[in-house]
Amino acid sequence: MASNATTKFFALSQSFSFSDIIVIGAYFLLNVAVGIWSSCRVSRNTLNGYFLAGRDMAWWPIGASLFASSEGSGLFIGLAGTGAAGGIAVAGFEWNATYVLLALAWIFVPVYVSSGIVTMPEYLGRRFGGERIRMYLSALSLMLSVFTKISTDLYSGALFIQVCLGWNLYLSTVLMLVVTALYTIAGGLAAVIYTDTLQTFIMIIGAVILTITAFNEIGGYGKLESIYLEAVPKKIIPNTTCHLPRHDAMHLFRDPVHGDLPWPGMTLGLTILATWYWCTDQHLSLHNSITTE
C-alpha cells in the first residue's frame, strides 16, 4: 500500500517539460566544466597546490565556498520541512551564526593563519603535543561528517532527483557522487571552491525567486499566518497532537518553559554548538587556511 502511494506521488510530481530536463542536465555539465576550468588555474603538482589551492584565493570565492559548504541540499529540504512542521523558530539556528561568524573572522582565523595550520587536528597537535589527540579528533570529525552531513546531503539531493526525474534513489546517489568526484579528484580544492561559488549563486538566486513566487501565490506573509494555522493534514495519528499547527508557530522566541525551542537555549546555549560548527569544525576550518598571502 505504501509503495503504491509513493509510486503515485512520484508519477504526479514528474510534470517537468523537456526544457526543464535540459536545465537540470546543463547544471550538472556546468559544474563539471567549472571544475575542469578551475583545476587548470592552480598547479596540482604540489601538496600546497592540490590541497590548499595554492593559498592564493581571493576572499569572495572562499566566502562563497564557506556558504555552499554549510548551506546544502540537506538544509534546503530538512530545515524547510522542520519549519513547515514546527514554525519559524528553527531560523534561530542560522540567526545564531551571525555573531559567531564575527568571532570566526576576528578571533579564530587570525590564529589559524599565524600558526600556519591546515586542519584542526594539526592545530591541537601543536597546541597540546602528542599524536593521540590528533588521531582522536581526525576519527571523530570523519564519523561526524559521514553520519551527520555527507549522508544527509546525499539523501536529500538524491531525493530531489528522484522526485523530479523519477530515478531510483540509489542511482541518484551514485550520480551525484560520480559528478562530484570527477571535478574534486581532478582539480583538488580549487575545483571545490569554484564549483561551490557557482552553486552559491544558483542557490541564492533560486531561493529569492522561489520566495517571491511563493508569497505571491499565497497572498503575502499575513495570509501565510492565517492559512498555516488552518493547515491540518487529512491523515492524522489518533490520540496525538503532533499533526496540529503550533499556536506559537510564527514566534521566533518561544516560551522558556513550555516552548519546544525555548529562547534561552536558542540565544545562549546554542552558541556553544554554533562556535564549534562555524569556528572549529573540521569540515569548514580547511577553508580558513586558504587565505591570500
Foldseek 3Di string as FASTA:
>chain_A
DVVVVVVVLLVVLQPDDPVNVVVVVVLLVVLLVLLVVLLVVFDPPDPCCFAQVVLADAPVLLVLLLVLLVDALLCVPVVVVCCLQFADLSCLLVVLLPVLVVCQVPPQLVVCQVVLDQFLLVVCCVVPNDDPSSVVLVVVLVVCCVPPPPVSRLQSQLVVCCSHPVDDSVVSSVVVVVSVCSSCVSRHVSSSSRSSNVVSVVVVVVVVVVVVVVCVVQPHDVSVVVVSQVDADPDDDPPDCSRHHDPCNHPNADDQPPDPCHNCCSNPVCNVVSNCVNRRRRSSVSSSNSHRD
